[in-house]
Amino acid sequence: MWHDGRVTTTDQTSSVLTLRVNGGAHRLRLDHRTTLLDALREHLGLTGTKKGCDHGQCGACTVLMGGRRVNSCLLLAVMAQGAEITTIEGLGGPEELHPLQAAFVERDALQCGYCTPGQICSAAAMLGEAAAGWPSAASAGLDGPVTLDAAEVRERMSGNLCRCGAYVNIVAAILDVSREAASQEEAR
């Protein structure tokens, strides 16, 4: 609707929806075209998730939806209603780092840090996929457990770009967490 030379949103182009983010429910009135990325950053103030390419090609906007990784720049917020969304802020914080966050710091797996939230969210989901036995193009076979090695991690993380080139340390950090999880599993 046009009013005084400006476009205004009418009730026909917006909805009230509830997004479950990082364990909390948030009621928002959003334009139907609002991406999950913009809802997180602009409406909920969760700026850890980054806007990179806005085309789903860089992975900077990766968040978890129901434990699976998604590019939040390609997903409309209305499509996320009812799903549990986890952002980098929901994985861990300054008081208690997620093991991947700690490993990224320990391995210096970042330079500018812009891609790091998406890298960590993607890695968290990727570790779950591998633990569930989901194969990738680098897997030895389609059945059985997946053994994570550098080639496997690189393949599984290929949707997340690092413009600074910290890939060697990113892979090492993910492998550290994978090995630690495996040794804890063996100890049980």
N, C-alpha and C. Protein backbone atom coordinates (compact mmCIF):
# COMPACT_ATOMS: atom_id res chain seq x y z
N MET A 1 0.84 -1.16 0.00
CA MET A 1 0.00 0.00 0.00
C MET A 1 0.90 1.23 0.00
N TRP A 2 0.58 2.20 -0.82
CA TRP A 2 1.37 3.42 -0.89
C TRP A 2 0.76 4.46 0.03
N HIS A 3 1.62 5.13 0.77
CA HIS A 3 1.16 6.18 1.66
C HIS A 3 2.27 7.22 1.78
N ASP A 4 1.98 8.44 1.40
CA ASP A 4 2.95 9.53 1.46
C ASP A 4 4.27 9.18 0.77
N GLY A 5 4.20 8.46 -0.34
CA GLY A 5 5.40 8.12 -1.09
C GLY A 5 6.20 6.97 -0.51
N ARG A 6 5.73 6.34 0.55
CA ARG A 6 6.43 5.22 1.16
C ARG A 6 5.59 3.96 1.05
N VAL A 7 6.27 2.85 0.99
CA VAL A 7 5.57 1.57 0.98
C VAL A 7 5.39 1.14 2.44
N THR A 8 4.18 0.79 2.80
CA THR A 8 3.93 0.31 4.15
C THR A 8 3.44 -1.12 4.09
N THR A 9 3.69 -1.86 5.14
CA THR A 9 3.27 -3.25 5.20
C THR A 9 1.83 -3.33 5.69
N THR A 10 1.04 -4.12 5.04
CA THR A 10 -0.33 -4.33 5.48
C THR A 10 -0.42 -5.70 6.13
N ASP A 11 -1.55 -5.96 6.76
CA ASP A 11 -1.74 -7.25 7.41
C ASP A 11 -1.72 -8.39 6.40
N GLN A 12 -1.94 -8.10 5.12
CA GLN A 12 -1.95 -9.14 4.11
C GLN A 12 -0.54 -9.61 3.75
N THR A 13 0.46 -8.82 4.07
CA THR A 13 1.83 -9.22 3.72
C THR A 13 2.66 -9.56 4.95
N SER A 14 2.03 -9.60 6.12
CA SER A 14 2.78 -9.96 7.31
C SER A 14 1.97 -10.94 8.16
N SER A 15 2.68 -11.62 9.04
CA SER A 15 2.04 -12.58 9.93
C SER A 15 2.69 -12.50 11.29
N VAL A 16 1.94 -12.95 12.27
CA VAL A 16 2.52 -13.13 13.60
C VAL A 16 2.93 -14.59 13.68
N LEU A 17 4.18 -14.81 14.04
CA LEU A 17 4.66 -16.17 14.16
C LEU A 17 5.52 -16.30 15.40
N THR A 18 5.70 -17.53 15.82
CA THR A 18 6.54 -17.81 16.97
C THR A 18 7.75 -18.59 16.50
N LEU A 19 8.91 -18.04 16.77
CA LEU A 19 10.16 -18.73 16.46
C LEU A 19 10.76 -19.22 17.76
N ARG A 20 11.12 -20.49 17.78
CA ARG A 20 11.80 -21.07 18.93
C ARG A 20 13.30 -21.02 18.65
N VAL A 21 13.98 -20.13 19.35
CA VAL A 21 15.39 -19.89 19.10
C VAL A 21 16.17 -20.04 20.40
N ASN A 22 17.18 -20.89 20.37
CA ASN A 22 18.08 -21.09 21.51
C ASN A 22 17.31 -21.39 22.80
N GLY A 23 16.26 -22.16 22.68
CA GLY A 23 15.50 -22.59 23.85
C GLY A 23 14.39 -21.66 24.29
N GLY A 24 14.24 -20.52 23.63
CA GLY A 24 13.18 -19.57 23.99
C GLY A 24 12.22 -19.36 22.84
N ALA A 25 10.98 -19.01 23.18
CA ALA A 25 9.96 -18.72 22.17
C ALA A 25 9.86 -17.21 21.99
N HIS A 26 9.82 -16.78 20.72
CA HIS A 26 9.77 -15.35 20.40
C HIS A 26 8.62 -15.11 19.42
N ARG A 27 7.65 -14.30 19.84
CA ARG A 27 6.53 -13.94 18.97
C ARG A 27 6.91 -12.69 18.20
N LEU A 28 6.80 -12.78 16.89
CA LEU A 28 7.19 -11.67 16.02
C LEU A 28 6.13 -11.44 14.95
N ARG A 29 5.94 -10.19 14.57
CA ARG A 29 5.16 -9.87 13.38
C ARG A 29 6.17 -9.57 12.28
N LEU A 30 6.16 -10.41 11.26
CA LEU A 30 7.15 -10.28 10.19
C LEU A 30 6.48 -10.28 8.84
N ASP A 31 7.08 -9.56 7.93
CA ASP A 31 6.69 -9.63 6.52
C ASP A 31 6.93 -11.06 6.06
N HIS A 32 6.07 -11.57 5.23
CA HIS A 32 6.20 -12.95 4.74
C HIS A 32 7.53 -13.20 4.04
N ARG A 33 8.13 -12.15 3.51
CA ARG A 33 9.38 -12.30 2.75
C ARG A 33 10.63 -12.23 3.62
N THR A 34 10.47 -12.05 4.92
CA THR A 34 11.62 -11.95 5.82
C THR A 34 12.33 -13.29 5.93
N THR A 35 13.62 -13.26 5.69
CA THR A 35 14.40 -14.50 5.83
C THR A 35 14.64 -14.79 7.31
N LEU A 36 14.95 -16.03 7.59
CA LEU A 36 15.29 -16.40 8.96
C LEU A 36 16.51 -15.60 9.41
N LEU A 37 17.48 -15.40 8.53
CA LEU A 37 18.67 -14.62 8.87
C LEU A 37 18.29 -13.22 9.33
N ASP A 38 17.43 -12.55 8.57
CA ASP A 38 17.04 -11.19 8.95
C ASP A 38 16.20 -11.18 10.23
N ALA A 39 15.37 -12.19 10.43
CA ALA A 39 14.60 -12.27 11.67
C ALA A 39 15.54 -12.41 12.86
N LEU A 40 16.55 -13.27 12.73
CA LEU A 40 17.50 -13.46 13.82
C LEU A 40 18.29 -12.19 14.12
N ARG A 41 18.82 -11.58 13.09
CA ARG A 41 19.71 -10.43 13.27
C ARG A 41 18.94 -9.15 13.60
N GLU A 42 17.93 -8.85 12.80
CA GLU A 42 17.27 -7.55 12.90
C GLU A 42 16.13 -7.51 13.91
N HIS A 43 15.48 -8.63 14.12
CA HIS A 43 14.31 -8.64 15.01
C HIS A 43 14.60 -9.24 16.38
N LEU A 44 15.57 -10.14 16.45
CA LEU A 44 15.91 -10.76 17.74
C LEU A 44 17.26 -10.31 18.28
N GLY A 45 18.02 -9.56 17.49
CA GLY A 45 19.30 -9.04 17.95
C GLY A 45 20.40 -10.08 18.09
N LEU A 46 20.21 -11.24 17.44
CA LEU A 46 21.22 -12.31 17.48
C LEU A 46 22.16 -12.12 16.29
N THR A 47 23.17 -11.30 16.49
CA THR A 47 24.03 -10.90 15.38
C THR A 47 25.23 -11.81 15.17
N GLY A 48 25.30 -12.91 15.92
CA GLY A 48 26.38 -13.87 15.70
C GLY A 48 26.29 -14.51 14.33
N THR A 49 25.08 -14.77 13.87
CA THR A 49 24.87 -15.32 12.54
C THR A 49 25.14 -14.22 11.53
N LYS A 50 26.00 -14.47 10.57
CA LYS A 50 26.46 -13.43 9.66
C LYS A 50 25.78 -13.49 8.29
N LYS A 51 25.63 -12.33 7.68
CA LYS A 51 25.14 -12.23 6.31
C LYS A 51 26.37 -12.12 5.42
N GLY A 52 26.59 -13.15 4.62
CA GLY A 52 27.75 -13.16 3.73
C GLY A 52 27.34 -12.84 2.31
N CYS A 53 26.97 -13.86 1.58
CA CYS A 53 26.65 -13.70 0.16
C CYS A 53 25.17 -13.46 -0.09
N ASP A 54 24.31 -13.84 0.84
CA ASP A 54 22.85 -13.75 0.70
C ASP A 54 22.32 -14.62 -0.45
N HIS A 55 23.11 -15.62 -0.86
CA HIS A 55 22.72 -16.54 -1.93
C HIS A 55 22.91 -18.00 -1.54
N GLY A 56 23.25 -18.28 -0.28
CA GLY A 56 23.43 -19.65 0.18
C GLY A 56 24.70 -20.31 -0.32
N GLN A 57 25.69 -19.51 -0.69
CA GLN A 57 26.90 -20.07 -1.27
C GLN A 57 28.12 -20.01 -0.34
N CYS A 58 28.04 -19.25 0.76
CA CYS A 58 29.25 -19.08 1.59
C CYS A 58 29.15 -19.76 2.95
N GLY A 59 27.95 -19.99 3.46
CA GLY A 59 27.78 -20.66 4.74
C GLY A 59 27.92 -19.78 5.96
N ALA A 60 28.17 -18.50 5.80
CA ALA A 60 28.32 -17.61 6.96
C ALA A 60 27.04 -17.54 7.79
N CYS A 61 25.91 -17.79 7.17
CA CYS A 61 24.62 -17.69 7.85
C CYS A 61 24.12 -19.02 8.41
N THR A 62 24.95 -20.04 8.44
CA THR A 62 24.52 -21.37 8.85
C THR A 62 24.06 -21.37 10.31
N VAL A 63 22.87 -21.91 10.52
CA VAL A 63 22.32 -22.15 11.86
C VAL A 63 21.80 -23.59 11.87
N LEU A 64 21.40 -24.05 13.03
CA LEU A 64 20.83 -25.39 13.14
C LEU A 64 19.31 -25.28 13.25
N MET A 65 18.62 -26.08 12.50
CA MET A 65 17.16 -26.14 12.59
C MET A 65 16.82 -27.60 12.84
N GLY A 66 16.35 -27.89 14.05
CA GLY A 66 16.09 -29.27 14.41
C GLY A 66 17.35 -30.12 14.37
N GLY A 67 18.49 -29.51 14.67
CA GLY A 67 19.75 -30.22 14.68
C GLY A 67 20.43 -30.34 13.32
N ARG A 68 19.75 -29.93 12.27
CA ARG A 68 20.32 -29.98 10.91
C ARG A 68 20.78 -28.58 10.50
N ARG A 69 21.84 -28.52 9.73
CA ARG A 69 22.34 -27.23 9.30
C ARG A 69 21.52 -26.68 8.14
N VAL A 70 21.25 -25.38 8.20
CA VAL A 70 20.52 -24.70 7.14
C VAL A 70 21.17 -23.35 6.89
N ASN A 71 21.06 -22.90 5.65
CA ASN A 71 21.50 -21.54 5.31
C ASN A 71 20.32 -20.62 5.62
N SER A 72 20.45 -19.84 6.66
CA SER A 72 19.32 -19.01 7.10
C SER A 72 19.01 -17.88 6.13
N CYS A 73 19.91 -17.57 5.21
CA CYS A 73 19.62 -16.53 4.22
C CYS A 73 18.66 -17.03 3.14
N LEU A 74 18.52 -18.33 3.00
CA LEU A 74 17.64 -18.91 1.98
C LEU A 74 16.30 -19.37 2.53
N LEU A 75 16.17 -19.37 3.85
CA LEU A 75 14.97 -19.90 4.49
C LEU A 75 14.10 -18.75 4.97
N LEU A 76 12.84 -18.75 4.57
CA LEU A 76 11.93 -17.73 5.08
C LEU A 76 11.62 -18.03 6.54
N ALA A 77 11.49 -16.99 7.34
CA ALA A 77 11.23 -17.16 8.76
C ALA A 77 9.94 -17.94 9.00
N VAL A 78 8.92 -17.72 8.17
CA VAL A 78 7.65 -18.45 8.36
C VAL A 78 7.84 -19.95 8.19
N MET A 79 8.85 -20.37 7.44
CA MET A 79 9.12 -21.79 7.25
C MET A 79 9.77 -22.42 8.48
N ALA A 80 10.29 -21.60 9.37
CA ALA A 80 10.97 -22.10 10.56
C ALA A 80 10.04 -22.17 11.77
N GLN A 81 8.81 -21.73 11.61
CA GLN A 81 7.87 -21.77 12.74
C GLN A 81 7.68 -23.22 13.19
N GLY A 82 7.78 -23.41 14.49
CA GLY A 82 7.61 -24.75 15.05
C GLY A 82 8.89 -25.55 15.16
N ALA A 83 9.94 -25.12 14.50
CA ALA A 83 11.23 -25.83 14.57
C ALA A 83 12.10 -25.20 15.64
N GLU A 84 13.00 -26.00 16.19
CA GLU A 84 13.96 -25.47 17.17
C GLU A 84 15.18 -24.95 16.41
N ILE A 85 15.44 -23.66 16.53
CA ILE A 85 16.57 -23.01 15.86
C ILE A 85 17.67 -22.81 16.89
N THR A 86 18.89 -23.17 16.52
CA THR A 86 20.04 -22.93 17.39
C THR A 86 21.05 -22.10 16.61
N THR A 87 21.42 -20.97 17.18
CA THR A 87 22.43 -20.10 16.59
C THR A 87 23.74 -20.29 17.36
N ILE A 88 24.76 -19.60 16.94
CA ILE A 88 26.05 -19.68 17.64
C ILE A 88 25.89 -19.26 19.10
N GLU A 89 25.00 -18.31 19.36
CA GLU A 89 24.77 -17.87 20.74
C GLU A 89 24.16 -18.98 21.58
N GLY A 90 23.42 -19.88 20.95
CA GLY A 90 22.78 -20.98 21.67
C GLY A 90 23.68 -22.17 21.89
N LEU A 91 24.77 -22.25 21.15
CA LEU A 91 25.71 -23.37 21.33
C LEU A 91 26.54 -23.20 22.58
N GLY A 92 26.95 -22.00 22.86
CA GLY A 92 27.78 -21.74 24.03
C GLY A 92 28.09 -20.26 24.11
N GLY A 93 28.61 -19.86 25.24
CA GLY A 93 28.93 -18.45 25.43
C GLY A 93 30.22 -18.29 26.19
N PRO A 94 30.53 -17.07 26.56
CA PRO A 94 31.80 -16.79 27.22
C PRO A 94 32.02 -17.59 28.51
N GLU A 95 30.94 -17.87 29.24
CA GLU A 95 31.08 -18.60 30.49
C GLU A 95 31.35 -20.08 30.26
N GLU A 96 30.72 -20.65 29.25
CA GLU A 96 30.88 -22.08 28.96
C GLU A 96 30.87 -22.28 27.45
N LEU A 97 32.05 -22.45 26.89
CA LEU A 97 32.18 -22.63 25.45
C LEU A 97 31.74 -24.03 25.04
N HIS A 98 31.13 -24.12 23.88
CA HIS A 98 30.85 -25.42 23.25
C HIS A 98 32.22 -26.02 22.91
N PRO A 99 32.36 -27.34 22.92
CA PRO A 99 33.66 -27.94 22.58
C PRO A 99 34.22 -27.46 21.25
N LEU A 100 33.37 -27.22 20.25
CA LEU A 100 33.88 -26.71 18.97
C LEU A 100 34.39 -25.28 19.11
N GLN A 101 33.70 -24.46 19.89
CA GLN A 101 34.18 -23.09 20.10
C GLN A 101 35.55 -23.12 20.78
N ALA A 102 35.68 -23.96 21.80
CA ALA A 102 36.97 -24.07 22.50
C ALA A 102 38.07 -24.58 21.57
N ALA A 103 37.74 -25.56 20.73
CA ALA A 103 38.73 -26.10 19.80
C ALA A 103 39.14 -25.07 18.76
N PHE A 104 38.20 -24.27 18.29
CA PHE A 104 38.53 -23.22 17.32
C PHE A 104 39.49 -22.21 17.95
N VAL A 105 39.28 -21.87 19.21
CA VAL A 105 40.18 -20.95 19.90
C VAL A 105 41.54 -21.62 20.09
N GLU A 106 41.53 -22.85 20.58
CA GLU A 106 42.77 -23.59 20.85
C GLU A 106 43.63 -23.76 19.59
N ARG A 107 42.96 -24.08 18.48
CA ARG A 107 43.67 -24.33 17.22
C ARG A 107 43.88 -23.07 16.38
N ASP A 108 43.43 -21.92 16.89
CA ASP A 108 43.51 -20.66 16.13
C ASP A 108 42.87 -20.86 14.75
N ALA A 109 41.66 -21.41 14.76
CA ALA A 109 40.96 -21.77 13.52
C ALA A 109 40.12 -20.62 12.98
N LEU A 110 40.61 -19.42 13.16
CA LEU A 110 39.92 -18.24 12.64
C LEU A 110 40.93 -17.13 12.48
N GLN A 111 40.61 -16.22 11.57
CA GLN A 111 41.43 -15.02 11.46
C GLN A 111 40.53 -13.82 11.68
N CYS A 112 39.74 -13.45 10.67
CA CYS A 112 38.85 -12.31 10.88
C CYS A 112 37.64 -12.71 11.72
N GLY A 113 37.27 -13.99 11.70
CA GLY A 113 36.17 -14.48 12.51
C GLY A 113 34.80 -14.35 11.90
N TYR A 114 34.70 -13.75 10.73
CA TYR A 114 33.38 -13.52 10.14
C TYR A 114 32.65 -14.83 9.83
N CYS A 115 33.35 -15.80 9.32
CA CYS A 115 32.72 -17.07 8.95
C CYS A 115 32.60 -18.04 10.12
N THR A 116 33.27 -17.73 11.23
CA THR A 116 33.39 -18.68 12.33
C THR A 116 32.05 -19.16 12.90
N PRO A 117 31.06 -18.30 13.14
CA PRO A 117 29.79 -18.81 13.66
C PRO A 117 29.15 -19.85 12.73
N GLY A 118 29.16 -19.58 11.45
CA GLY A 118 28.62 -20.54 10.49
C GLY A 118 29.44 -21.81 10.42
N GLN A 119 30.77 -21.67 10.50
CA GLN A 119 31.65 -22.84 10.49
C GLN A 119 31.34 -23.74 11.70
N ILE A 120 31.20 -23.14 12.86
CA ILE A 120 30.98 -23.91 14.08
C ILE A 120 29.60 -24.56 14.07
N CYS A 121 28.57 -23.84 13.67
CA CYS A 121 27.23 -24.44 13.58
C CYS A 121 27.22 -25.58 12.58
N SER A 122 27.85 -25.38 11.44
CA SER A 122 27.91 -26.44 10.43
C SER A 122 28.68 -27.64 10.96
N ALA A 123 29.78 -27.39 11.65
CA ALA A 123 30.59 -28.49 12.19
C ALA A 123 29.81 -29.28 13.25
N ALA A 124 29.03 -28.58 14.06
CA ALA A 124 28.23 -29.27 15.09
C ALA A 124 27.25 -30.24 14.44
N ALA A 125 26.57 -29.79 13.40
CA ALA A 125 25.63 -30.67 12.70
C ALA A 125 26.37 -31.78 11.96
N MET A 126 27.50 -31.44 11.35
CA MET A 126 28.28 -32.41 10.60
C MET A 126 28.76 -33.55 11.48
N LEU A 127 29.18 -33.23 12.70
CA LEU A 127 29.62 -34.28 13.62
C LEU A 127 28.46 -35.22 13.95
N GLY A 128 27.28 -34.67 14.08
CA GLY A 128 26.10 -35.51 14.31
C GLY A 128 25.78 -36.39 13.13
N GLU A 129 25.90 -35.85 11.93
CA GLU A 129 25.66 -36.63 10.71
C GLU A 129 26.64 -37.79 10.61
N ALA A 130 27.91 -37.50 10.87
CA ALA A 130 28.93 -38.55 10.78
C ALA A 130 28.70 -39.61 11.85
N ALA A 131 28.34 -39.18 13.06
CA ALA A 131 28.08 -40.14 14.14
C ALA A 131 26.89 -41.03 13.82
N ALA A 132 25.94 -40.50 13.07
CA ALA A 132 24.76 -41.28 12.67
C ALA A 132 25.06 -42.20 11.49
N GLY A 133 26.28 -42.10 10.93
CA GLY A 133 26.68 -42.97 9.83
C GLY A 133 26.29 -42.48 8.45
N TRP A 134 25.91 -41.20 8.33
CA TRP A 134 25.56 -40.66 7.03
C TRP A 134 26.82 -40.52 6.18
N PRO A 135 26.86 -41.13 5.02
CA PRO A 135 28.06 -41.03 4.18
C PRO A 135 28.12 -39.70 3.44
N SER A 136 29.30 -39.37 2.98
CA SER A 136 29.52 -38.21 2.11
C SER A 136 30.20 -38.72 0.84
N ALA A 137 30.50 -37.81 -0.06
CA ALA A 137 31.21 -38.19 -1.28
C ALA A 137 32.61 -38.72 -0.98
N ALA A 138 33.16 -38.37 0.18
CA ALA A 138 34.50 -38.82 0.55
C ALA A 138 34.48 -40.11 1.38
N SER A 139 33.31 -40.59 1.74
CA SER A 139 33.22 -41.80 2.58
C SER A 139 33.64 -43.03 1.80
N ALA A 140 34.21 -43.98 2.52
CA ALA A 140 34.68 -45.22 1.90
C ALA A 140 33.52 -46.07 1.37
N GLY A 141 32.39 -45.98 2.00
CA GLY A 141 31.23 -46.76 1.57
C GLY A 141 29.94 -46.12 2.01
N LEU A 142 28.84 -46.76 1.65
CA LEU A 142 27.54 -46.21 1.98
C LEU A 142 26.98 -46.77 3.27
N ASP A 143 27.54 -47.85 3.75
CA ASP A 143 27.05 -48.49 4.95
C ASP A 143 28.09 -48.43 6.05
N GLY A 144 27.61 -48.51 7.27
CA GLY A 144 28.52 -48.62 8.40
C GLY A 144 28.94 -47.28 8.96
N PRO A 145 29.78 -47.34 9.95
CA PRO A 145 30.21 -46.10 10.59
C PRO A 145 31.12 -45.28 9.66
N VAL A 146 31.11 -43.99 9.92
CA VAL A 146 31.96 -43.07 9.16
C VAL A 146 33.15 -42.71 10.02
N THR A 147 34.34 -42.88 9.47
CA THR A 147 35.56 -42.48 10.16
C THR A 147 35.94 -41.10 9.65
N LEU A 148 35.94 -40.14 10.56
CA LEU A 148 36.29 -38.79 10.14
C LEU A 148 37.81 -38.66 10.03
N ASP A 149 38.24 -38.24 8.87
CA ASP A 149 39.63 -37.88 8.64
C ASP A 149 39.60 -36.51 7.95
N ALA A 150 40.75 -35.98 7.62
CA ALA A 150 40.81 -34.64 7.04
C ALA A 150 40.01 -34.54 5.74
N ALA A 151 40.11 -35.54 4.88
CA ALA A 151 39.38 -35.51 3.61
C ALA A 151 37.87 -35.52 3.84
N GLU A 152 37.44 -36.33 4.79
CA GLU A 152 36.01 -36.42 5.12
C GLU A 152 35.49 -35.09 5.67
N VAL A 153 36.25 -34.47 6.56
CA VAL A 153 35.83 -33.19 7.13
C VAL A 153 35.80 -32.11 6.05
N ARG A 154 36.82 -32.07 5.20
CA ARG A 154 36.84 -31.06 4.13
C ARG A 154 35.62 -31.21 3.23
N GLU A 155 35.27 -32.43 2.87
CA GLU A 155 34.11 -32.66 2.01
C GLU A 155 32.82 -32.20 2.70
N ARG A 156 32.66 -32.59 3.94
CA ARG A 156 31.44 -32.27 4.68
C ARG A 156 31.32 -30.78 5.00
N MET A 157 32.42 -30.07 5.08
CA MET A 157 32.40 -28.64 5.39
C MET A 157 32.54 -27.77 4.14
N SER A 158 32.45 -28.38 2.97
CA SER A 158 32.70 -27.64 1.73
C SER A 158 31.69 -26.52 1.46
N GLY A 159 30.57 -26.51 2.13
CA GLY A 159 29.59 -25.43 1.96
C GLY A 159 29.89 -24.20 2.78
N ASN A 160 30.96 -24.24 3.56
CA ASN A 160 31.34 -23.09 4.39
C ASN A 160 32.69 -22.57 3.92
N LEU A 161 32.69 -21.34 3.45
CA LEU A 161 33.91 -20.73 2.94
C LEU A 161 34.57 -19.86 4.00
N CYS A 162 35.89 -19.84 3.98
CA CYS A 162 36.68 -18.97 4.83
C CYS A 162 37.53 -18.10 3.91
N ARG A 163 37.23 -16.84 3.86
CA ARG A 163 37.96 -15.95 2.96
C ARG A 163 39.39 -15.74 3.41
N CYS A 164 39.68 -15.99 4.68
CA CYS A 164 41.04 -15.82 5.20
C CYS A 164 41.90 -17.05 4.98
N GLY A 165 41.29 -18.17 4.66
CA GLY A 165 42.06 -19.38 4.38
C GLY A 165 42.51 -20.14 5.62
N ALA A 166 41.70 -20.15 6.68
CA ALA A 166 42.07 -20.85 7.91
C ALA A 166 41.65 -22.32 7.89
N TYR A 167 41.49 -22.87 6.70
CA TYR A 167 40.95 -24.23 6.56
C TYR A 167 41.75 -25.29 7.30
N VAL A 168 43.07 -25.24 7.26
CA VAL A 168 43.88 -26.27 7.90
C VAL A 168 43.55 -26.32 9.40
N ASN A 169 43.46 -25.18 10.03
CA ASN A 169 43.18 -25.14 11.46
C ASN A 169 41.72 -25.47 11.76
N ILE A 170 40.81 -25.12 10.85
CA ILE A 170 39.40 -25.47 11.03
C ILE A 170 39.25 -26.99 11.03
N VAL A 171 39.86 -27.64 10.06
CA VAL A 171 39.80 -29.10 9.98
C VAL A 171 40.42 -29.72 11.23
N ALA A 172 41.55 -29.20 11.68
CA ALA A 172 42.21 -29.74 12.88
C ALA A 172 41.32 -29.58 14.11
N ALA A 173 40.66 -28.44 14.25
CA ALA A 173 39.77 -28.21 15.40
C ALA A 173 38.61 -29.19 15.40
N ILE A 174 38.02 -29.41 14.24
CA ILE A 174 36.89 -30.34 14.14
C ILE A 174 37.35 -31.76 14.45
N LEU A 175 38.51 -32.14 13.94
CA LEU A 175 39.04 -33.48 14.22
C LEU A 175 39.35 -33.65 15.71
N ASP A 176 39.84 -32.60 16.36
CA ASP A 176 40.09 -32.67 17.80
C ASP A 176 38.80 -33.00 18.56
N VAL A 177 37.73 -32.31 18.22
CA VAL A 177 36.44 -32.53 18.89
C VAL A 177 35.91 -33.92 18.57
N SER A 178 36.07 -34.35 17.33
CA SER A 178 35.62 -35.68 16.93
C SER A 178 36.36 -36.77 17.71
N ARG A 179 37.67 -36.62 17.82
CA ARG A 179 38.47 -37.60 18.56
C ARG A 179 38.11 -37.62 20.04
N GLU A 180 37.90 -36.45 20.61
CA GLU A 180 37.54 -36.37 22.03
C GLU A 180 36.18 -37.03 22.27
N ALA A 181 35.22 -36.80 21.39
CA ALA A 181 33.90 -37.44 21.51
C ALA A 181 34.03 -38.95 21.39
N ALA A 182 34.87 -39.42 20.46
CA ALA A 182 35.07 -40.86 20.28
C ALA A 182 35.71 -41.49 21.51
N SER A 183 36.70 -40.80 22.10
CA SER A 183 37.35 -41.36 23.28
C SER A 183 36.40 -41.36 24.49
N GLN A 184 35.53 -40.38 24.58
CA GLN A 184 34.53 -40.38 25.67
C GLN A 184 33.52 -41.49 25.47
N GLU A 185 33.17 -41.76 24.23
CA GLU A 185 32.23 -42.85 23.91
C GLU A 185 32.85 -44.20 24.26
N GLU A 186 34.13 -44.36 23.96
CA GLU A 186 34.83 -45.62 24.28
C GLU A 186 34.94 -45.83 25.79
N ALA A 187 35.08 -44.72 26.53
CA ALA A 187 35.21 -44.84 27.98
C ALA A 187 33.92 -45.28 28.66
N ARG A 188 32.79 -45.11 27.96
CA ARG A 188 31.51 -45.51 28.54
C ARG A 188 31.36 -46.95 28.43
